[in-house]
C-alpha atoms as a PDB file:
ATOM      1  CA  MET A   1     -30.270 -56.880-150.250  1.00  0.00           C
ATOM      2  CA  GLY A   2     -30.606 -59.923-147.976  1.00  0.00           C
ATOM      3  CA  ALA A   3     -33.647 -62.037-147.229  1.00  0.00           C
ATOM      4  CA  ALA A   4     -37.140 -61.223-148.465  1.00  0.00           C
ATOM      5  CA  HIS A   5     -40.196 -62.205-146.462  1.00  0.00           C
ATOM      6  CA  SER A   6     -43.267 -63.201-148.475  1.00  0.00           C
ATOM      7  CA  TYR A   7     -46.676 -61.792-147.529  1.00  0.00           C
ATOM      8  CA  ILE A   8     -48.625 -64.302-149.641  1.00  0.00           C
ATOM      9  CA  GLY A   9     -51.553 -65.737-147.694  1.00  0.00           C
ATOM     10  CA  GLU A  10     -51.997 -62.718-145.421  1.00  0.00           C
ATOM     11  CA  GLU A  11     -53.350 -60.163-147.893  1.00  0.00           C
ATOM     12  CA  ALA A  12     -56.780 -59.725-146.292  1.00  0.00           C
ATOM     13  CA  VAL A  13     -55.253 -58.273-143.131  1.00  0.00           C
ATOM     14  CA  ALA A  14     -53.487 -55.386-144.856  1.00  0.00           C
ATOM     15  CA  VAL A  15     -56.299 -54.671-147.313  1.00  0.00           C
ATOM     16  CA  GLY A  16     -59.116 -54.818-144.770  1.00  0.00           C
ATOM     17  CA  THR A  17     -57.167 -52.615-142.386  1.00  0.00           C
ATOM     18  CA  CYS A  18     -55.951 -49.964-144.802  1.00  0.00           C
ATOM     19  CA  LEU A  19     -59.372 -49.580-146.433  1.00  0.00           C
ATOM     20  CA  ALA A  20     -60.616 -48.443-143.023  1.00  0.00           C
ATOM     21  CA  LEU A  21     -57.987 -45.696-142.847  1.00  0.00           C
ATOM     22  CA  ARG A  22     -57.642 -42.239-144.352  1.00  0.00           C
ATOM     23  CA  ASP A  23     -54.691 -41.241-146.494  1.00  0.00           C
ATOM     24  CA  ASP A  24     -53.298 -39.134-143.648  1.00  0.00           C
ATOM     25  CA  ASP A  25     -53.510 -41.899-141.033  1.00  0.00           C
ATOM     26  CA  TRP A  26     -50.196 -43.435-140.048  1.00  0.00           C
ATOM     27  CA  ILE A  27     -49.032 -47.040-140.322  1.00  0.00           C
ATOM     28  CA  THR A  28     -45.858 -48.810-139.267  1.00  0.00           C
ATOM     29  CA  GLY A  29     -44.796 -52.291-140.297  1.00  0.00           C
ATOM     30  CA  ASN A  30     -42.265 -55.042-139.878  1.00  0.00           C
ATOM     31  CA  HIS A  31     -39.987 -57.237-141.988  1.00  0.00           C
ATOM     32  CA  ARG A  32     -43.023 -58.773-143.761  1.00  0.00           C
ATOM     33  CA  SER A  33     -44.611 -55.505-144.835  1.00  0.00           C
ATOM     34  CA  HIS A  34     -44.673 -55.539-148.619  1.00  0.00           C
ATOM     35  CA  GLY A  35     -48.466 -55.739-148.636  1.00  0.00           C
ATOM     36  CA  HIS A  36     -49.085 -52.795-146.335  1.00  0.00           C
ATOM     37  CA  PRO A  37     -47.697 -49.993-148.554  1.00  0.00           C
ATOM     38  CA  ILE A  38     -49.637 -51.338-151.536  1.00  0.00           C
ATOM     39  CA  ALA A  39     -52.848 -51.527-149.505  1.00  0.00           C
ATOM     40  CA  LYS A  40     -52.226 -47.981-148.222  1.00  0.00           C
ATOM     41  CA  GLY A  41     -52.115 -46.684-151.785  1.00  0.00           C
ATOM     42  CA  GLY A  42     -48.410 -46.929-152.508  1.00  0.00           C
ATOM     43  CA  ASP A  43     -46.695 -47.113-155.876  1.00  0.00           C
ATOM     44  CA  VAL A  44     -46.021 -50.719-156.913  1.00  0.00           C
ATOM     45  CA  LYS A  45     -43.145 -49.692-159.177  1.00  0.00           C
ATOM     46  CA  ARG A  46     -41.347 -47.791-156.423  1.00  0.00           C
ATOM     47  CA  ALA A  47     -41.930 -50.645-153.995  1.00  0.00           C
ATOM     48  CA  MET A  48     -40.491 -53.216-156.395  1.00  0.00           C
ATOM     49  CA  ALA A  49     -37.527 -50.970-157.148  1.00  0.00           C
ATOM     50  CA  GLU A  50     -36.766 -50.726-153.445  1.00  0.00           C
ATOM     51  CA  LEU A  51     -36.930 -54.503-153.093  1.00  0.00           C
ATOM     52  CA  LEU A  52     -34.256 -54.750-155.783  1.00  0.00           C
ATOM     53  CA  GLY A  53     -32.142 -51.990-154.245  1.00  0.00           C
ATOM     54  CA  LYS A  54     -32.647 -49.507-157.077  1.00  0.00           C
ATOM     55  CA  ARG A  55     -32.374 -45.732-156.920  1.00  0.00           C
ATOM     56  CA  THR A  56     -35.998 -45.270-158.050  1.00  0.00           C
ATOM     57  CA  GLY A  57     -37.265 -47.084-154.956  1.00  0.00           C
ATOM     58  CA  TYR A  58     -39.031 -45.518-151.990  1.00  0.00           C
ATOM     59  CA  CYS A  59     -35.767 -45.151-150.078  1.00  0.00           C
ATOM     60  CA  LYS A  60     -33.514 -44.741-153.121  1.00  0.00           C
ATOM     61  CA  GLY A  61     -32.516 -48.389-152.896  1.00  0.00           C
ATOM     62  CA  LYS A  62     -30.953 -48.018-149.452  1.00  0.00           C
ATOM     63  CA  GLY A  63     -33.766 -49.506-147.408  1.00  0.00           C
ATOM     64  CA  GLY A  64     -34.436 -52.791-149.143  1.00  0.00           C
ATOM     65  CA  SER A  65     -37.416 -55.050-148.653  1.00  0.00           C
ATOM     66  CA  MET A  66     -37.786 -54.438-144.910  1.00  0.00           C
ATOM     67  CA  HIS A  67     -37.659 -50.648-144.799  1.00  0.00           C
ATOM     68  CA  LEU A  68     -40.221 -49.017-147.089  1.00  0.00           C
ATOM     69  CA  ALA A  69     -41.461 -45.559-146.112  1.00  0.00           C
ATOM     70  CA  ASP A  70     -43.560 -42.786-147.642  1.00  0.00           C
ATOM     71  CA  PHE A  71     -44.758 -40.028-145.323  1.00  0.00           C
ATOM     72  CA  SER A  72     -47.010 -38.587-148.049  1.00  0.00           C
ATOM     73  CA  ILE A  73     -49.418 -41.520-147.682  1.00  0.00           C
ATOM     74  CA  GLY A  74     -48.879 -42.131-143.994  1.00  0.00           C
ATOM     75  CA  ILE A  75     -46.258 -44.888-144.120  1.00  0.00           C
ATOM     76  CA  LEU A  76     -43.951 -43.952-141.260  1.00  0.00           C
ATOM     77  CA  GLY A  77     -41.668 -46.857-141.995  1.00  0.00           C
ATOM     78  CA  GLU A  78     -41.034 -50.523-141.452  1.00  0.00           C
ATOM     79  CA  SER A  79     -38.363 -52.254-139.439  1.00  0.00           C
ATOM     80  CA  GLY A  80     -36.637 -55.610-139.557  1.00  0.00           C
ATOM     81  CA  ILE A  81     -35.998 -55.446-135.797  1.00  0.00           C
ATOM     82  CA  LEU A  82     -38.731 -57.433-134.072  1.00  0.00           C
ATOM     83  CA  GLY A  83     -41.343 -55.161-132.494  1.00  0.00           C
ATOM     84  CA  SER A  84     -39.315 -51.988-132.923  1.00  0.00           C
ATOM     85  CA  ALA A  85     -41.891 -50.158-135.060  1.00  0.00           C
ATOM     86  CA  ILE A  86     -44.624 -50.521-132.425  1.00  0.00           C
ATOM     87  CA  PRO A  87     -43.336 -47.619-130.274  1.00  0.00           C
ATOM     88  CA  THR A  88     -43.071 -45.514-133.433  1.00  0.00           C
ATOM     89  CA  ALA A  89     -46.820 -45.847-133.996  1.00  0.00           C
ATOM     90  CA  VAL A  90     -47.440 -44.888-130.370  1.00  0.00           C
ATOM     91  CA  GLY A  91     -45.283 -41.805-130.881  1.00  0.00           C
ATOM     92  CA  ALA A  92     -47.282 -40.857-133.972  1.00  0.00           C
ATOM     93  CA  ALA A  93     -50.513 -41.281-132.007  1.00  0.00           C
ATOM     94  CA  LEU A  94     -49.144 -39.105-129.213  1.00  0.00           C
ATOM     95  CA  GLY A  95     -48.282 -36.488-131.821  1.00  0.00           C
ATOM     96  CA  SER A  96     -51.855 -36.572-133.117  1.00  0.00           C
ATOM     97  CA  LYS A  97     -53.212 -36.059-129.625  1.00  0.00           C
ATOM     98  CA  LEU A  98     -50.850 -33.191-128.832  1.00  0.00           C
ATOM     99  CA  GLN A  99     -51.605 -31.500-132.160  1.00  0.00           C
ATOM    100  CA  GLY A 100     -55.342 -31.858-131.613  1.00  0.00           C
ATOM    101  CA  ASN A 101     -56.071 -33.657-134.883  1.00  0.00           C
ATOM    102  CA  ASP A 102     -57.907 -36.946-135.354  1.00  0.00           C
ATOM    103  CA  ARG A 103     -55.272 -38.923-137.219  1.00  0.00           C
ATOM    104  CA  VAL A 104     -55.014 -42.562-136.190  1.00  0.00           C
ATOM    105  CA  ALA A 105     -51.906 -44.744-136.124  1.00  0.00           C
ATOM    106  CA  VAL A 106     -51.848 -48.481-136.837  1.00  0.00           C
ATOM    107  CA  SER A 107     -48.911 -50.727-136.061  1.00  0.00           C
ATOM    108  CA  PHE A 108     -48.673 -54.029-137.931  1.00  0.00           C
ATOM    109  CA  PHE A 109     -46.637 -56.710-136.168  1.00  0.00           C
ATOM    110  CA  GLY A 110     -46.505 -60.488-135.908  1.00  0.00           C
ATOM    111  CA  ASP A 111     -47.164 -63.002-133.168  1.00  0.00           C
ATOM    112  CA  GLY A 112     -43.458 -63.151-132.369  1.00  0.00           C
ATOM    113  CA  ALA A 113     -43.310 -59.410-131.712  1.00  0.00           C
ATOM    114  CA  SER A 114     -46.169 -59.705-129.220  1.00  0.00           C
ATOM    115  CA  ASN A 115     -43.656 -61.336-126.863  1.00  0.00           C
ATOM    116  CA  GLU A 116     -41.265 -58.404-127.070  1.00  0.00           C
ATOM    117  CA  GLY A 117     -41.002 -55.866-124.287  1.00  0.00           C
ATOM    118  CA  ALA A 118     -41.589 -53.056-126.778  1.00  0.00           C
ATOM    119  CA  PHE A 119     -45.099 -54.396-127.418  1.00  0.00           C
ATOM    120  CA  HIS A 120     -46.099 -54.465-123.764  1.00  0.00           C
ATOM    121  CA  GLU A 121     -44.491 -51.125-122.946  1.00  0.00           C
ATOM    122  CA  SER A 122     -46.169 -49.491-125.928  1.00  0.00           C
ATOM    123  CA  ILE A 123     -49.640 -50.864-125.326  1.00  0.00           C
ATOM    124  CA  ASN A 124     -49.466 -49.971-121.629  1.00  0.00           C
ATOM    125  CA  LEU A 125     -48.430 -46.372-122.301  1.00  0.00           C
ATOM    126  CA  ALA A 126     -51.029 -45.974-125.054  1.00  0.00           C
ATOM    127  CA  ALA A 127     -53.743 -47.255-122.726  1.00  0.00           C
ATOM    128  CA  ILE A 128     -52.704 -44.941-119.882  1.00  0.00           C
ATOM    129  CA  TRP A 129     -52.673 -41.885-122.133  1.00  0.00           C
ATOM    130  CA  GLY A 130     -55.680 -42.895-124.233  1.00  0.00           C
ATOM    131  CA  LEU A 131     -53.799 -42.584-127.514  1.00  0.00           C
ATOM    132  CA  PRO A 132     -55.419 -43.069-130.959  1.00  0.00           C
ATOM    133  CA  VAL A 133     -53.435 -46.156-131.946  1.00  0.00           C
ATOM    134  CA  ILE A 134     -54.452 -49.631-133.092  1.00  0.00           C
ATOM    135  CA  PHE A 135     -52.180 -52.558-132.375  1.00  0.00           C
ATOM    136  CA  LEU A 136     -52.717 -54.929-135.298  1.00  0.00           C
ATOM    137  CA  CYS A 137     -51.214 -58.364-134.685  1.00  0.00           C
ATOM    138  CA  GLU A 138     -50.930 -60.397-137.870  1.00  0.00           C
ATOM    139  CA  ASN A 139     -50.817 -63.794-136.221  1.00  0.00           C
ATOM    140  CA  ASN A 140     -49.523 -66.025-139.002  1.00  0.00           C
ATOM    141  CA  GLN A 141     -48.895 -68.581-136.251  1.00  0.00           C
ATOM    142  CA  TYR A 142     -45.147 -68.949-136.579  1.00  0.00           C
ATOM    143  CA  ALA A 143     -42.244 -66.788-135.460  1.00  0.00           C
ATOM    144  CA  VAL A 144     -39.632 -68.164-137.850  1.00  0.00           C
ATOM    145  CA  THR A 145     -40.205 -71.846-136.920  1.00  0.00           C
ATOM    146  CA  SER A 146     -41.732 -71.443-133.435  1.00  0.00           C
ATOM    147  CA  SER A 147     -45.481 -72.006-133.155  1.00  0.00           C
ATOM    148  CA  PHE A 148     -47.315 -69.275-131.264  1.00  0.00           C
ATOM    149  CA  LYS A 149     -49.180 -72.026-129.390  1.00  0.00           C
ATOM    150  CA  LYS A 150     -45.870 -72.972-127.768  1.00  0.00           C
ATOM    151  CA  MET A 151     -44.731 -69.393-127.232  1.00  0.00           C
ATOM    152  CA  VAL A 152     -47.900 -67.739-125.889  1.00  0.00           C
ATOM    153  CA  ALA A 153     -49.620 -68.951-122.712  1.00  0.00           C
ATOM    154  CA  ALA A 154     -52.966 -67.374-123.607  1.00  0.00           C
ATOM    155  CA  GLU A 155     -55.256 -69.003-126.145  1.00  0.00           C
ATOM    156  CA  ASN A 156     -55.323 -65.815-128.212  1.00  0.00           C
ATOM    157  CA  ILE A 157     -52.922 -62.893-128.411  1.00  0.00           C
ATOM    158  CA  SER A 158     -55.938 -60.571-128.354  1.00  0.00           C
ATOM    159  CA  ASP A 159     -56.678 -61.849-124.820  1.00  0.00           C
ATOM    160  CA  ARG A 160     -53.706 -59.812-123.619  1.00  0.00           C
ATOM    161  CA  ALA A 161     -55.728 -56.633-124.095  1.00  0.00           C
ATOM    162  CA  ALA A 162     -57.554 -57.319-120.827  1.00  0.00           C
ATOM    163  CA  SER A 163     -54.342 -56.666-118.888  1.00  0.00           C
ATOM    164  CA  TYR A 164     -54.313 -53.124-120.234  1.00  0.00           C
ATOM    165  CA  ALA A 165     -58.056 -52.443-119.968  1.00  0.00           C
ATOM    166  CA  ILE A 166     -58.529 -51.943-123.704  1.00  0.00           C
ATOM    167  CA  PRO A 167     -60.664 -53.843-126.230  1.00  0.00           C
ATOM    168  CA  GLY A 168     -59.119 -56.983-127.704  1.00  0.00           C
ATOM    169  CA  VAL A 169     -60.665 -58.637-130.759  1.00  0.00           C
ATOM    170  CA  LEU A 170     -59.864 -61.905-132.538  1.00  0.00           C
ATOM    171  CA  VAL A 171     -60.701 -61.719-136.254  1.00  0.00           C
ATOM    172  CA  ASP A 172     -60.594 -64.180-139.139  1.00  0.00           C
ATOM    173  CA  GLY A 173     -57.582 -62.777-140.953  1.00  0.00           C
ATOM    174  CA  GLN A 174     -58.541 -64.582-144.149  1.00  0.00           C
ATOM    175  CA  ASP A 175     -61.794 -62.596-144.416  1.00  0.00           C
ATOM    176  CA  VAL A 176     -61.152 -59.092-145.740  1.00  0.00           C
ATOM    177  CA  LEU A 177     -64.638 -57.870-144.803  1.00  0.00           C
ATOM    178  CA  ALA A 178     -64.303 -59.135-141.231  1.00  0.00           C
ATOM    179  CA  MET A 179     -60.970 -57.351-140.936  1.00  0.00           C
ATOM    180  CA  HIS A 180     -62.436 -54.159-142.354  1.00  0.00           C
ATOM    181  CA  GLU A 181     -65.343 -54.222-139.922  1.00  0.00           C
ATOM    182  CA  ALA A 182     -63.149 -54.806-136.871  1.00  0.00           C
ATOM    183  CA  VAL A 183     -60.632 -52.126-137.810  1.00  0.00           C
ATOM    184  CA  SER A 184     -63.354 -49.624-138.740  1.00  0.00           C
ATOM    185  CA  HIS A 185     -64.810 -49.968-135.252  1.00  0.00           C
ATOM    186  CA  ALA A 186     -61.384 -49.523-133.654  1.00  0.00           C
ATOM    187  CA  VAL A 187     -60.677 -46.481-135.840  1.00  0.00           C
ATOM    188  CA  GLU A 188     -63.981 -44.910-134.813  1.00  0.00           C
ATOM    189  CA  ARG A 189     -63.087 -45.429-131.152  1.00  0.00           C
ATOM    190  CA  ALA A 190     -59.633 -43.948-131.635  1.00  0.00           C
ATOM    191  CA  ARG A 191     -60.839 -40.874-133.539  1.00  0.00           C
ATOM    192  CA  SER A 192     -63.453 -40.128-130.900  1.00  0.00           C
ATOM    193  CA  GLY A 193     -60.883 -40.117-128.108  1.00  0.00           C
ATOM    194  CA  GLN A 194     -61.669 -43.529-126.622  1.00  0.00           C
ATOM    195  CA  GLY A 195     -58.117 -44.792-126.889  1.00  0.00           C
ATOM    196  CA  PRO A 196     -56.325 -47.813-128.338  1.00  0.00           C
ATOM    197  CA  SER A 197     -57.449 -51.289-129.360  1.00  0.00           C
ATOM    198  CA  LEU A 198     -55.688 -54.603-129.920  1.00  0.00           C
ATOM    199  CA  ILE A 199     -56.797 -56.614-132.953  1.00  0.00           C
ATOM    200  CA  GLU A 200     -55.502 -60.078-133.750  1.00  0.00           C
ATOM    201  CA  GLY A 201     -55.950 -61.163-137.346  1.00  0.00           C
ATOM    202  CA  ARG A 202     -55.532 -64.945-137.375  1.00  0.00           C
ATOM    203  CA  THR A 203     -53.863 -65.714-140.695  1.00  0.00           C
ATOM    204  CA  TYR A 204     -51.178 -67.919-142.249  1.00  0.00           C
ATOM    205  CA  ARG A 205     -48.033 -67.485-144.306  1.00  0.00           C
ATOM    206  CA  TYR A 206     -47.702 -69.892-147.199  1.00  0.00           C
ATOM    207  CA  TYR A 207     -43.935 -69.738-147.438  1.00  0.00           C
ATOM    208  CA  ASP A 208     -41.227 -70.101-144.831  1.00  0.00           C
ATOM    209  CA  HIS A 209     -40.028 -67.205-142.712  1.00  0.00           C
ATOM    210  CA  SER A 210     -37.904 -65.889-145.562  1.00  0.00           C
ATOM    211  CA  LEU A 211     -37.531 -66.934-149.167  1.00  0.00           C
ATOM    212  CA  GLY A 212     -34.804 -69.509-149.559  1.00  0.00           C
ATOM    213  CA  MET A 213     -35.158 -70.726-145.990  1.00  0.00           C
ATOM    214  CA  ASN A 214     -36.861 -73.922-147.190  1.00  0.00           C
ATOM    215  CA  ARG A 215     -33.475 -75.046-148.470  1.00  0.00           C
ATOM    216  CA  ILE A 216     -32.405 -75.283-144.836  1.00  0.00           C
ATOM    217  CA  VAL A 217     -35.428 -76.334-142.775  1.00  0.00           C
ATOM    218  CA  ARG A 218     -37.667 -77.898-145.441  1.00  0.00           C
ATOM    219  CA  ALA A 219     -40.763 -76.784-143.479  1.00  0.00           C
ATOM    220  CA  SER A 220     -40.103 -79.477-140.856  1.00  0.00           C
ATOM    221  CA  TYR A 221     -41.910 -77.405-138.215  1.00  0.00           C
ATOM    222  CA  ARG A 222     -45.357 -77.714-139.845  1.00  0.00           C
ATOM    223  CA  SER A 223     -47.178 -80.458-141.687  1.00  0.00           C
ATOM    224  CA  ASP A 224     -48.249 -80.613-145.309  1.00  0.00           C
ATOM    225  CA  GLU A 225     -51.820 -81.162-144.088  1.00  0.00           C
ATOM    226  CA  GLU A 226     -51.753 -77.946-142.089  1.00  0.00           C
ATOM    227  CA  MET A 227     -50.437 -75.919-144.992  1.00  0.00           C
ATOM    228  CA  GLU A 228     -53.004 -77.377-147.368  1.00  0.00           C
ATOM    229  CA  HIS A 229     -55.817 -76.620-144.901  1.00  0.00           C
ATOM    230  CA  TRP A 230     -54.905 -72.949-144.840  1.00  0.00           C
ATOM    231  CA  LYS A 231     -54.388 -72.723-148.577  1.00  0.00           C
ATOM    232  CA  GLN A 232     -57.969 -73.921-148.935  1.00  0.00           C
ATOM    233  CA  ARG A 233     -58.885 -70.744-147.038  1.00  0.00           C
ATOM    234  CA  ASP A 234     -56.961 -68.402-149.292  1.00  0.00           C
ATOM    235  CA  PRO A 235     -58.174 -64.837-148.617  1.00  0.00           C
ATOM    236  CA  ILE A 236     -58.352 -63.900-152.286  1.00  0.00           C
ATOM    237  CA  ASP A 237     -60.300 -67.025-153.186  1.00  0.00           C
ATOM    238  CA  ILE A 238     -62.683 -66.482-150.260  1.00  0.00           C
ATOM    239  CA  HIS A 239     -63.498 -62.959-151.402  1.00  0.00           C
ATOM    240  CA  LYS A 240     -63.711 -63.995-155.033  1.00  0.00           C
ATOM    241  CA  THR A 241     -66.273 -66.658-154.107  1.00  0.00           C
ATOM    242  CA  LEU A 242     -68.279 -64.044-152.211  1.00  0.00           C
ATOM    243  CA  LEU A 243     -68.304 -61.658-155.169  1.00  0.00           C
ATOM    244  CA  LEU A 244     -69.549 -64.396-157.468  1.00  0.00           C
ATOM    245  CA  SER A 245     -72.118 -65.927-155.103  1.00  0.00           C
ATOM    246  CA  GLN A 246     -73.652 -62.536-154.281  1.00  0.00           C
ATOM    247  CA  ASP A 247     -73.692 -61.434-157.937  1.00  0.00           C
ATOM    248  CA  ILE A 248     -71.509 -58.469-157.041  1.00  0.00           C
ATOM    249  CA  ALA A 249     -69.084 -59.092-159.895  1.00  0.00           C
ATOM    250  CA  PRO A 250     -69.231 -61.570-162.802  1.00  0.00           C
ATOM    251  CA  GLN A 251     -66.337 -63.896-163.572  1.00  0.00           C
ATOM    252  CA  ALA A 252     -65.415 -61.854-166.643  1.00  0.00           C
ATOM    253  CA  GLU A 253     -64.931 -58.725-164.536  1.00  0.00           C
ATOM    254  CA  ILE A 254     -62.821 -60.624-162.011  1.00  0.00           C
ATOM    255  CA  ASP A 255     -60.690 -62.083-164.807  1.00  0.00           C
ATOM    256  CA  GLN A 256     -60.160 -58.618-166.258  1.00  0.00           C
ATOM    257  CA  MET A 257     -59.148 -57.280-162.854  1.00  0.00           C
ATOM    258  CA  GLU A 258     -56.655 -60.108-162.366  1.00  0.00           C
ATOM    259  CA  ASP A 259     -55.163 -59.456-165.812  1.00  0.00           C
ATOM    260  CA  GLU A 260     -54.754 -55.769-164.972  1.00  0.00           C
ATOM    261  CA  ILE A 261     -53.058 -56.604-161.677  1.00  0.00           C
ATOM    262  CA  LYS A 262     -50.674 -59.049-163.350  1.00  0.00           C
ATOM    263  CA  LYS A 263     -49.761 -56.345-165.858  1.00  0.00           C
ATOM    264  CA  GLN A 264     -49.092 -53.882-163.029  1.00  0.00           C
ATOM    265  CA  ILE A 265     -46.776 -56.385-161.368  1.00  0.00           C
ATOM    266  CA  ASN A 266     -44.970 -57.245-164.597  1.00  0.00           C
ATOM    267  CA  ASP A 267     -44.547 -53.552-165.394  1.00  0.00           C
ATOM    268  CA  ALA A 268     -43.206 -52.958-161.884  1.00  0.00           C
ATOM    269  CA  VAL A 269     -40.665 -55.770-162.228  1.00  0.00           C
ATOM    270  CA  GLU A 270     -39.504 -54.432-165.593  1.00  0.00           C
ATOM    271  CA  PHE A 271     -39.278 -50.896-164.182  1.00  0.00           C
ATOM    272  CA  ALA A 272     -37.217 -52.114-161.232  1.00  0.00           C
ATOM    273  CA  ARG A 273     -34.870 -54.193-163.355  1.00  0.00           C
ATOM    274  CA  GLU A 274     -34.208 -51.317-165.735  1.00  0.00           C
ATOM    275  CA  SER A 275     -33.682 -48.764-162.962  1.00  0.00           C
ATOM    276  CA  PRO A 276     -30.127 -47.847-161.920  1.00  0.00           C
ATOM    277  CA  TYR A 277     -28.487 -48.744-158.639  1.00  0.00           C
ATOM    278  CA  PRO A 278     -27.611 -45.877-156.281  1.00  0.00           C
ATOM    279  CA  ASP A 279     -24.371 -44.147-157.175  1.00  0.00           C
ATOM    280  CA  PRO A 280     -21.567 -44.654-154.627  1.00  0.00           C
ATOM    281  CA  SER A 281     -21.291 -40.874-154.343  1.00  0.00           C
ATOM    282  CA  GLU A 282     -24.749 -40.873-152.713  1.00  0.00           C
ATOM    283  CA  LEU A 283     -23.632 -43.112-149.840  1.00  0.00           C
ATOM    284  CA  PHE A 284     -23.851 -40.393-147.201  1.00  0.00           C
ATOM    285  CA  ASP A 285     -26.919 -38.628-148.591  1.00  0.00           C
ATOM    286  CA  ASP A 286     -30.100 -38.686-146.504  1.00  0.00           C
ATOM    287  CA  MET A 287     -28.254 -39.425-143.284  1.00  0.00           C
ATOM    288  CA  PHE A 288     -30.489 -36.938-141.485  1.00  0.00           C
ATOM    289  CA  ALA A 289     -34.262 -36.787-141.929  1.00  0.00           C
ATOM    290  CA  ASN A 290     -36.094 -33.608-142.788  1.00  0.00           C
ATOM    291  CA  PRO A 291     -38.854 -32.695-140.325  1.00  0.00           C
ATOM    292  CA  ILE A 292     -42.202 -34.338-141.073  1.00  0.00           C
ATOM    293  CA  PRO A 293     -44.723 -31.592-141.994  1.00  0.00           C
ATOM    294  CA  LEU A 294     -47.327 -31.032-139.294  1.00  0.00           C
ATOM    295  CA  GLU A 295     -49.990 -30.042-141.798  1.00  0.00           C
END
């Protein structure tokens, strides 16, 4: 199924964002969007099956790791083409406005996509029409091997919001509560008809652009010291420390939760491995999409 792009290190962005959304709110993602469907309430078994190209996956094994979708929980789809899912979220937001409902759309994209024309065209149109969409830039600081500091003239990607007269917010993407607060505010604005927002979650990917890439580049574009610095700010560890220090959850409860999650993942892997591949006779099935229900 080709390359897989690890989301490890960026979890707080997806979780903090999706916890601020309703089930019927829309999201779109990119090539690194395994975390978003899970945070939106997706089925881990179906997600893993899709990653392995199995018929029991979200897209019957035909989408692979970069193209998960589930309209029933608001996942419009993901795309491996840089920035291409951003206009899709704008279209969903336009649909919400035309239908007179208060559904909000969120588009997840990386720092590299913020240099694409689709990003600027989308954010400009959304600002002009006052659409209920949130542009969520997961700035993991590298587009493949190119540092955003060398590719973006502004100090922050969120600074670009000023050009479109919409709010732009820089958030610690390793802090799930900070992400939740920022997105909740943007969602409230969008639902009340005040238009779009641009949020930059400053985060970091632990692995290279895609798994297996380290065999080629050996992480020559970033230092061991830099990677270690960010791993010391692991989003899960940060939140775990908060839970313990504030007496919100004891260590035993956290350990139990981690054991349950590991079991879910192991069960999902076993489910995916045992699931069948799509039958060749199904090659031309699902070529045309059924209309998305308006209600």
